[in-house]
Structure formats: structure tokens, C-alpha cells
């Protein structure tokens, strides 16, 4: 949680972005299939990690979501 907060704060400060129009990151715990189904329609992308659990990504049907690396996020805000 602290690492993501730090990355987002650095991106926002570097680009002098308004907090009202920023990216929202939410960490979530274990969800059942009904909860994932309800959440999936709200998701706009995911942060790509160096080590990812591909089976879980497929299980929650998130493989179609755009995956953004930290570098990609930095480019989006510049």
C-alpha cells in the first residue's frame, strides 16, 4: 500500500496534476466470482508487475484489461 501511494504521489507531484483528475488505485482482498463480476465492469486497467500470477489474471478474466507499467503511467501523465 505504501509503495503504490509513494509511486502515485511522485507521479502527481512531478506532473503537477490536480488530485481531482487523477488515477485511482484500489487494493482489494480476496473476492468471490460474483464480486469480481460486479467489479470487472468498473476496471479501466491494471498495473503490470514484474512477477504476476497469470492463472489468477485469467481466472478473474482480467487478461483483456490494459496493463500499464510504471513507465507507461509516467508517459500518460507527461
PDB file of N, CA and C in Angstrom:
ATOM      1  N   UNK A   1       0.834  -1.187   0.000  1.00  0.00           N
ATOM      2  CA  UNK A   1       0.000   0.000   0.000  1.00  0.00           C
ATOM      3  C   UNK A   1       0.879   1.251   0.000  1.00  0.00           C
ATOM      4  N   UNK A   2       1.895   1.233   0.839  1.00  0.00           N
ATOM      5  CA  UNK A   2       2.807   2.373   0.928  1.00  0.00           C
ATOM      6  C   UNK A   2       3.573   2.578  -0.376  1.00  0.00           C
ATOM      7  N   UNK A   3       3.991   1.480  -1.010  1.00  0.00           N
ATOM      8  CA  UNK A   3       4.743   1.597  -2.262  1.00  0.00           C
ATOM      9  C   UNK A   3       3.886   2.221  -3.361  1.00  0.00           C
ATOM     10  N   UNK A   4       2.641   1.775  -3.492  1.00  0.00           N
ATOM     11  CA  UNK A   4       1.752   2.345  -4.512  1.00  0.00           C
ATOM     12  C   UNK A   4       1.448   3.809  -4.217  1.00  0.00           C
ATOM     13  N   UNK A   5       1.228   4.124  -2.964  1.00  0.00           N
ATOM     14  CA  UNK A   5       0.961   5.516  -2.597  1.00  0.00           C
ATOM     15  C   UNK A   5       2.149   6.399  -2.953  1.00  0.00           C
ATOM     16  N   UNK A   6       3.339   5.899  -2.683  1.00  0.00           N
ATOM     17  CA  UNK A   6       4.548   6.658  -2.977  1.00  0.00           C
ATOM     18  C   UNK A   6       4.715   6.895  -4.479  1.00  0.00           C
ATOM     19  N   UNK A   7       4.497   5.842  -5.276  1.00  0.00           N
ATOM     20  CA  UNK A   7       4.611   5.980  -6.733  1.00  0.00           C
ATOM     21  C   UNK A   7       3.606   6.991  -7.252  1.00  0.00           C
ATOM     22  N   UNK A   8       2.363   6.881  -6.816  1.00  0.00           N
ATOM     23  CA  UNK A   8       1.329   7.795  -7.298  1.00  0.00           C
ATOM     24  C   UNK A   8       1.601   9.231  -6.860  1.00  0.00           C
ATOM     25  N   UNK A   9       2.033   9.426  -5.624  1.00  0.00           N
ATOM     26  CA  UNK A   9       2.331  10.788  -5.165  1.00  0.00           C
ATOM     27  C   UNK A   9       3.474  11.389  -5.979  1.00  0.00           C
ATOM     28  N   UNK A  10       4.506  10.592  -6.263  1.00  0.00           N
ATOM     29  CA  UNK A  10       5.619  11.091  -7.061  1.00  0.00           C
ATOM     30  C   UNK A  10       5.158  11.474  -8.462  1.00  0.00           C
ATOM     31  N   UNK A  11       4.329  10.635  -9.078  1.00  0.00           N
ATOM     32  CA  UNK A  11       3.816  10.960 -10.412  1.00  0.00           C
ATOM     33  C   UNK A  11       2.974  12.226 -10.397  1.00  0.00           C
ATOM     34  N   UNK A  12       2.119  12.350  -9.411  1.00  0.00           N
ATOM     35  CA  UNK A  12       1.259  13.529  -9.317  1.00  0.00           C
ATOM     36  C   UNK A  12       2.072  14.796  -9.078  1.00  0.00           C
ATOM     37  N   UNK A  13       3.076  14.706  -8.219  1.00  0.00           N
ATOM     38  CA  UNK A  13       3.890  15.882  -7.914  1.00  0.00           C
ATOM     39  C   UNK A  13       4.767  16.263  -9.103  1.00  0.00           C
ATOM     40  N   UNK A  14       5.367  15.274  -9.768  1.00  0.00           N
ATOM     41  CA  UNK A  14       6.234  15.553 -10.912  1.00  0.00           C
ATOM     42  C   UNK A  14       5.475  16.247 -12.035  1.00  0.00           C
ATOM     43  N   UNK A  15       4.269  15.823 -12.259  1.00  0.00           N
ATOM     44  CA  UNK A  15       3.481  16.360 -13.365  1.00  0.00           C
ATOM     45  C   UNK A  15       2.549  17.479 -12.934  1.00  0.00           C
ATOM     46  N   UNK A  16       2.576  17.826 -11.651  1.00  0.00           N
ATOM     47  CA  UNK A  16       1.734  18.883 -11.095  1.00  0.00           C
ATOM     48  C   UNK A  16       0.269  18.676 -11.482  1.00  0.00           C
ATOM     49  N   UNK A  17      -0.198  17.449 -11.312  1.00  0.00           N
ATOM     50  CA  UNK A  17      -1.576  17.113 -11.660  1.00  0.00           C
ATOM     51  C   UNK A  17      -2.518  17.440 -10.524  1.00  0.00           C
ATOM     52  N   UNK A  18      -3.711  17.794 -10.880  1.00  0.00           N
ATOM     53  CA  UNK A  18      -4.759  18.067  -9.914  1.00  0.00           C
ATOM     54  C   UNK A  18      -5.270  16.741  -9.364  1.00  0.00           C
ATOM     55  N   UNK A  19      -5.406  16.650  -8.065  1.00  0.00           N
ATOM     56  CA  UNK A  19      -5.858  15.407  -7.452  1.00  0.00           C
ATOM     57  C   UNK A  19      -7.273  15.030  -7.860  1.00  0.00           C
ATOM     58  N   UNK A  20      -8.078  15.972  -8.295  1.00  0.00           N
ATOM     59  CA  UNK A  20      -9.447  15.675  -8.713  1.00  0.00           C
ATOM     60  C   UNK A  20      -9.507  14.887 -10.016  1.00  0.00           C
ATOM     61  N   UNK A  21      -8.473  14.979 -10.833  1.00  0.00           N
ATOM     62  CA  UNK A  21      -8.471  14.319 -12.136  1.00  0.00           C
ATOM     63  C   UNK A  21      -7.391  13.245 -12.224  1.00  0.00           C
ATOM     64  N   UNK A  22      -7.113  12.578 -11.146  1.00  0.00           N
ATOM     65  CA  UNK A  22      -6.005  11.641 -11.116  1.00  0.00           C
ATOM     66  C   UNK A  22      -6.468  10.194 -11.232  1.00  0.00           C
ATOM     67  N   UNK A  23      -5.505   9.324 -11.333  1.00  0.00           N
ATOM     68  CA  UNK A  23      -5.740   7.889 -11.370  1.00  0.00           C
ATOM     69  C   UNK A  23      -6.095   7.419  -9.970  1.00  0.00           C
ATOM     70  N   UNK A  24      -7.030   6.499  -9.901  1.00  0.00           N
ATOM     71  CA  UNK A  24      -7.394   5.935  -8.608  1.00  0.00           C
ATOM     72  C   UNK A  24      -6.940   4.488  -8.565  1.00  0.00           C
ATOM     73  N   UNK A  25      -6.180   4.140  -7.536  1.00  0.00           N
ATOM     74  CA  UNK A  25      -5.709   2.771  -7.346  1.00  0.00           C
ATOM     75  C   UNK A  25      -6.371   2.233  -6.100  1.00  0.00           C
ATOM     76  N   UNK A  26      -6.925   1.041  -6.214  1.00  0.00           N
ATOM     77  CA  UNK A  26      -7.575   0.411  -5.061  1.00  0.00           C
ATOM     78  C   UNK A  26      -7.016  -0.984  -4.881  1.00  0.00           C
ATOM     79  N   UNK A  27      -6.506  -1.244  -3.692  1.00  0.00           N
ATOM     80  CA  UNK A  27      -6.057  -2.591  -3.363  1.00  0.00           C
ATOM     81  C   UNK A  27      -7.250  -3.358  -2.817  1.00  0.00           C
ATOM     82  N   UNK A  28      -7.401  -4.572  -3.282  1.00  0.00           N
ATOM     83  CA  UNK A  28      -8.542  -5.366  -2.846  1.00  0.00           C
ATOM     84  C   UNK A  28      -8.057  -6.713  -2.343  1.00  0.00           C
ATOM     85  N   UNK A  29      -8.830  -7.296  -1.478  1.00  0.00           N
ATOM     86  CA  UNK A  29      -8.517  -8.621  -0.952  1.00  0.00           C
ATOM     87  C   UNK A  29      -9.119  -9.696  -1.829  1.00  0.00           C
ATOM     88  N   UNK A  30      -9.362 -10.833  -1.237  1.00  0.00           N
ATOM     89  CA  UNK A  30      -9.955 -11.958  -1.960  1.00  0.00           C
ATOM     90  C   UNK A  30     -11.421 -11.669  -2.254  1.00  0.00           C
ATOM     91  N   UNK A  31     -11.804 -11.808  -3.508  1.00  0.00           N
ATOM     92  CA  UNK A  31     -13.188 -11.612  -3.917  1.00  0.00           C
ATOM     93  C   UNK A  31     -13.714 -12.913  -4.503  1.00  0.00           C
ATOM     94  N   UNK A  32     -14.999 -13.144  -4.321  1.00  0.00           N
ATOM     95  CA  UNK A  32     -15.593 -14.318  -4.954  1.00  0.00           C
ATOM     96  C   UNK A  32     -15.965 -13.968  -6.395  1.00  0.00           C
ATOM     97  N   UNK A  33     -16.434 -14.949  -7.160  1.00  0.00           N
ATOM     98  CA  UNK A  33     -16.699 -14.723  -8.592  1.00  0.00           C
ATOM     99  C   UNK A  33     -17.796 -13.690  -8.824  1.00  0.00           C
ATOM    100  N   UNK A  34     -18.798 -13.643  -7.956  1.00  0.00           N
ATOM    101  CA  UNK A  34     -19.863 -12.651  -8.099  1.00  0.00           C
ATOM    102  C   UNK A  34     -19.322 -11.245  -7.872  1.00  0.00           C
ATOM    103  N   UNK A  35     -18.471 -11.079  -6.872  1.00  0.00           N
ATOM    104  CA  UNK A  35     -17.873  -9.774  -6.596  1.00  0.00           C
ATOM    105  C   UNK A  35     -16.968  -9.341  -7.745  1.00  0.00           C
ATOM    106  N   UNK A  36     -16.172 -10.277  -8.301  1.00  0.00           N
ATOM    107  CA  UNK A  36     -15.311  -9.955  -9.435  1.00  0.00           C
ATOM    108  C   UNK A  36     -16.139  -9.537 -10.644  1.00  0.00           C
ATOM    109  N   UNK A  37     -17.230 -10.235 -10.852  1.00  0.00           N
ATOM    110  CA  UNK A  37     -18.095  -9.911 -11.978  1.00  0.00           C
ATOM    111  C   UNK A  37     -18.638  -8.492 -11.870  1.00  0.00           C
ATOM    112  N   UNK A  38     -19.050  -8.106 -10.684  1.00  0.00           N
ATOM    113  CA  UNK A  38     -19.566  -6.751 -10.466  1.00  0.00           C
ATOM    114  C   UNK A  38     -18.464  -5.711 -10.606  1.00  0.00           C
ATOM    115  N   UNK A  39     -17.272  -6.028 -10.152  1.00  0.00           N
ATOM    116  CA  UNK A  39     -16.161  -5.080 -10.185  1.00  0.00           C
ATOM    117  C   UNK A  39     -15.569  -4.925 -11.581  1.00  0.00           C
ATOM    118  N   UNK A  40     -15.528  -6.000 -12.334  1.00  0.00           N
ATOM    119  CA  UNK A  40     -14.853  -6.010 -13.633  1.00  0.00           C
ATOM    120  C   UNK A  40     -15.342  -4.903 -14.570  1.00  0.00           C
ATOM    121  N   UNK A  41     -16.617  -4.603 -14.553  1.00  0.00           N
ATOM    122  CA  UNK A  41     -17.136  -3.571 -15.455  1.00  0.00           C
ATOM    123  C   UNK A  41     -16.640  -2.170 -15.082  1.00  0.00           C
ATOM    124  N   UNK A  42     -16.125  -2.010 -13.878  1.00  0.00           N
ATOM    125  CA  UNK A  42     -15.629  -0.720 -13.425  1.00  0.00           C
ATOM    126  C   UNK A  42     -14.133  -0.533 -13.660  1.00  0.00           C
ATOM    127  N   UNK A  43     -13.425  -1.619 -13.929  1.00  0.00           N
ATOM    128  CA  UNK A  43     -11.971  -1.566 -14.073  1.00  0.00           C
ATOM    129  C   UNK A  43     -11.579  -0.985 -15.422  1.00  0.00           C
ATOM    130  N   UNK A  44     -10.568  -0.124 -15.416  1.00  0.00           N
ATOM    131  CA  UNK A  44     -10.086   0.516 -16.631  1.00  0.00           C
ATOM    132  C   UNK A  44      -8.704   0.017 -17.037  1.00  0.00           C
ATOM    133  N   UNK A  45      -8.024  -0.671 -16.147  1.00  0.00           N
ATOM    134  CA  UNK A  45      -6.688  -1.172 -16.423  1.00  0.00           C
ATOM    135  C   UNK A  45      -6.093  -1.768 -15.171  1.00  0.00           C
ATOM    136  N   UNK A  46      -4.870  -2.243 -15.312  1.00  0.00           N
ATOM    137  CA  UNK A  46      -4.167  -2.805 -14.161  1.00  0.00           C
ATOM    138  C   UNK A  46      -2.702  -2.427 -14.245  1.00  0.00           C
ATOM    139  N   UNK A  47      -2.042  -2.414 -13.109  1.00  0.00           N
ATOM    140  CA  UNK A  47      -0.609  -2.128 -13.078  1.00  0.00           C
ATOM    141  C   UNK A  47       0.123  -3.440 -13.297  1.00  0.00           C
ATOM    142  N   UNK A  48       0.977  -3.453 -14.294  1.00  0.00           N
ATOM    143  CA  UNK A  48       1.740  -4.645 -14.640  1.00  0.00           C
ATOM    144  C   UNK A  48       2.895  -4.799 -13.664  1.00  0.00           C
ATOM    145  N   UNK A  49       3.019  -5.977 -13.087  1.00  0.00           N
ATOM    146  CA  UNK A  49       4.085  -6.270 -12.140  1.00  0.00           C
ATOM    147  C   UNK A  49       5.134  -7.159 -12.794  1.00  0.00           C
ATOM    148  N   UNK A  50       6.362  -7.111 -12.263  1.00  0.00           N
ATOM    149  CA  UNK A  50       7.426  -7.958 -12.804  1.00  0.00           C
ATOM    150  C   UNK A  50       7.086  -9.435 -12.640  1.00  0.00           C
ATOM    151  N   UNK A  51       6.477  -9.781 -11.521  1.00  0.00           N
ATOM    152  CA  UNK A  51       6.070 -11.163 -11.261  1.00  0.00           C
ATOM    153  C   UNK A  51       4.565 -11.153 -11.054  1.00  0.00           C
ATOM    154  N   UNK A  52       3.839 -11.794 -11.971  1.00  0.00           N
ATOM    155  CA  UNK A  52       2.385 -11.808 -11.909  1.00  0.00           C
ATOM    156  C   UNK A  52       1.875 -13.238 -11.864  1.00  0.00           C
ATOM    157  N   UNK A  53       0.747 -13.415 -11.224  1.00  0.00           N
ATOM    158  CA  UNK A  53       0.097 -14.708 -11.179  1.00  0.00           C
ATOM    159  C   UNK A  53      -0.864 -14.777 -12.364  1.00  0.00           C
ATOM    160  N   UNK A  54      -0.376 -15.322 -13.478  1.00  0.00           N
ATOM    161  CA  UNK A  54      -1.169 -15.368 -14.714  1.00  0.00           C
ATOM    162  C   UNK A  54      -2.443 -16.188 -14.550  1.00  0.00           C
ATOM    163  N   UNK A  55      -2.379 -17.240 -13.741  1.00  0.00           N
ATOM    164  CA  UNK A  55      -3.571 -18.067 -13.524  1.00  0.00           C
ATOM    165  C   UNK A  55      -4.684 -17.247 -12.881  1.00  0.00           C
ATOM    166  N   UNK A  56      -4.336 -16.394 -11.943  1.00  0.00           N
ATOM    167  CA  UNK A  56      -5.336 -15.549 -11.280  1.00  0.00           C
ATOM    168  C   UNK A  56      -5.876 -14.502 -12.246  1.00  0.00           C
ATOM    169  N   UNK A  57      -5.015 -13.932 -13.058  1.00  0.00           N
ATOM    170  CA  UNK A  57      -5.452 -12.938 -14.039  1.00  0.00           C
ATOM    171  C   UNK A  57      -6.472 -13.556 -14.991  1.00  0.00           C
ATOM    172  N   UNK A  58      -6.215 -14.774 -15.438  1.00  0.00           N
ATOM    173  CA  UNK A  58      -7.152 -15.475 -16.322  1.00  0.00           C
ATOM    174  C   UNK A  58      -8.424 -15.843 -15.554  1.00  0.00           C
ATOM    175  N   UNK A  59      -8.260 -16.304 -14.319  1.00  0.00           N
ATOM    176  CA  UNK A  59      -9.410 -16.729 -13.509  1.00  0.00           C
ATOM    177  C   UNK A  59     -10.412 -15.599 -13.317  1.00  0.00           C
ATOM    178  N   UNK A  60      -9.922 -14.386 -13.097  1.00  0.00           N
ATOM    179  CA  UNK A  60     -10.833 -13.254 -12.867  1.00  0.00           C
ATOM    180  C   UNK A  60     -11.157 -12.515 -14.166  1.00  0.00           C
ATOM    181  N   UNK A  61     -10.731 -13.111 -15.287  1.00  0.00           N
ATOM    182  CA  UNK A  61     -10.999 -12.571 -16.621  1.00  0.00           C
ATOM    183  C   UNK A  61     -10.490 -11.143 -16.772  1.00  0.00           C
ATOM    184  N   UNK A  62      -9.282 -10.906 -16.291  1.00  0.00           N
ATOM    185  CA  UNK A  62      -8.674  -9.577 -16.373  1.00  0.00           C
ATOM    186  C   UNK A  62      -7.605  -9.505 -17.459  1.00  0.00           C
ATOM    187  N   UNK A  63      -7.434 -10.572 -18.233  1.00  0.00           N
ATOM    188  CA  UNK A  63      -6.394 -10.563 -19.261  1.00  0.00           C
ATOM    189  C   UNK A  63      -6.685  -9.565 -20.376  1.00  0.00           C
ATOM    190  N   UNK A  64      -7.939  -9.166 -20.538  1.00  0.00           N
ATOM    191  CA  UNK A  64      -8.298  -8.188 -21.581  1.00  0.00           C
ATOM    192  C   UNK A  64      -8.046  -6.745 -21.140  1.00  0.00           C
ATOM    193  N   UNK A  65      -7.819  -6.525 -19.847  1.00  0.00           N
ATOM    194  CA  UNK A  65      -7.594  -5.163 -19.358  1.00  0.00           C
ATOM    195  C   UNK A  65      -6.234  -4.650 -19.817  1.00  0.00           C
ATOM    196  N   UNK A  66      -6.148  -3.386 -20.177  1.00  0.00           N
ATOM    197  CA  UNK A  66      -4.832  -2.827 -20.498  1.00  0.00           C
ATOM    198  C   UNK A  66      -3.924  -2.911 -19.272  1.00  0.00           C
ATOM    199  N   UNK A  67      -2.687  -3.355 -19.494  1.00  0.00           N
ATOM    200  CA  UNK A  67      -1.703  -3.454 -18.414  1.00  0.00           C
ATOM    201  C   UNK A  67      -0.724  -2.303 -18.559  1.00  0.00           C
ATOM    202  N   UNK A  68      -0.596  -1.512 -17.517  1.00  0.00           N
ATOM    203  CA  UNK A  68       0.269  -0.339 -17.539  1.00  0.00           C
ATOM    204  C   UNK A  68       1.483  -0.566 -16.658  1.00  0.00           C
ATOM    205  N   UNK A  69       2.667  -0.367 -17.224  1.00  0.00           N
ATOM    206  CA  UNK A  69       3.881  -0.400 -16.429  1.00  0.00           C
ATOM    207  C   UNK A  69       4.050   0.970 -15.773  1.00  0.00           C
ATOM    208  N   UNK A  70       4.939   1.059 -14.832  1.00  0.00           N
ATOM    209  CA  UNK A  70       5.204   2.351 -14.193  1.00  0.00           C
ATOM    210  C   UNK A  70       5.665   3.354 -15.243  1.00  0.00           C
ATOM    211  N   UNK A  71       6.485   2.906 -16.186  1.00  0.00           N
ATOM    212  CA  UNK A  71       6.963   3.803 -17.239  1.00  0.00           C
ATOM    213  C   UNK A  71       5.813   4.305 -18.107  1.00  0.00           C
ATOM    214  N   UNK A  72       4.859   3.420 -18.395  1.00  0.00           N
ATOM    215  CA  UNK A  72       3.694   3.805 -19.184  1.00  0.00           C
ATOM    216  C   UNK A  72       2.857   4.836 -18.438  1.00  0.00           C
ATOM    217  N   UNK A  73       2.670   4.613 -17.144  1.00  0.00           N
ATOM    218  CA  UNK A  73       1.907   5.584 -16.346  1.00  0.00           C
ATOM    219  C   UNK A  73       2.590   6.936 -16.341  1.00  0.00           C
ATOM    220  N   UNK A  74       3.918   6.932 -16.235  1.00  0.00           N
ATOM    221  CA  UNK A  74       4.650   8.197 -16.266  1.00  0.00           C
ATOM    222  C   UNK A  74       4.434   8.908 -17.601  1.00  0.00           C
ATOM    223  N   UNK A  75       4.434   8.149 -18.699  1.00  0.00           N
ATOM    224  CA  UNK A  75       4.227   8.750 -20.019  1.00  0.00           C
ATOM    225  C   UNK A  75       2.812   9.299 -20.173  1.00  0.00           C
ATOM    226  N   UNK A  76       1.834   8.636 -19.580  1.00  0.00           N
ATOM    227  CA  UNK A  76       0.457   9.116 -19.657  1.00  0.00           C
ATOM    228  C   UNK A  76       0.288  10.466 -18.983  1.00  0.00           C
ATOM    229  N   UNK A  77       1.085  10.720 -17.964  1.00  0.00           N
ATOM    230  CA  UNK A  77       0.951  11.966 -17.211  1.00  0.00           C
ATOM    231  C   UNK A  77       1.886  13.060 -17.698  1.00  0.00           C
ATOM    232  N   UNK A  78       2.670  12.781 -18.720  1.00  0.00           N
ATOM    233  CA  UNK A  78       3.581  13.831 -19.183  1.00  0.00           C
ATOM    234  C   UNK A  78       3.117  14.466 -20.465  1.00  0.00           C
TER     235      UNK A  78
END
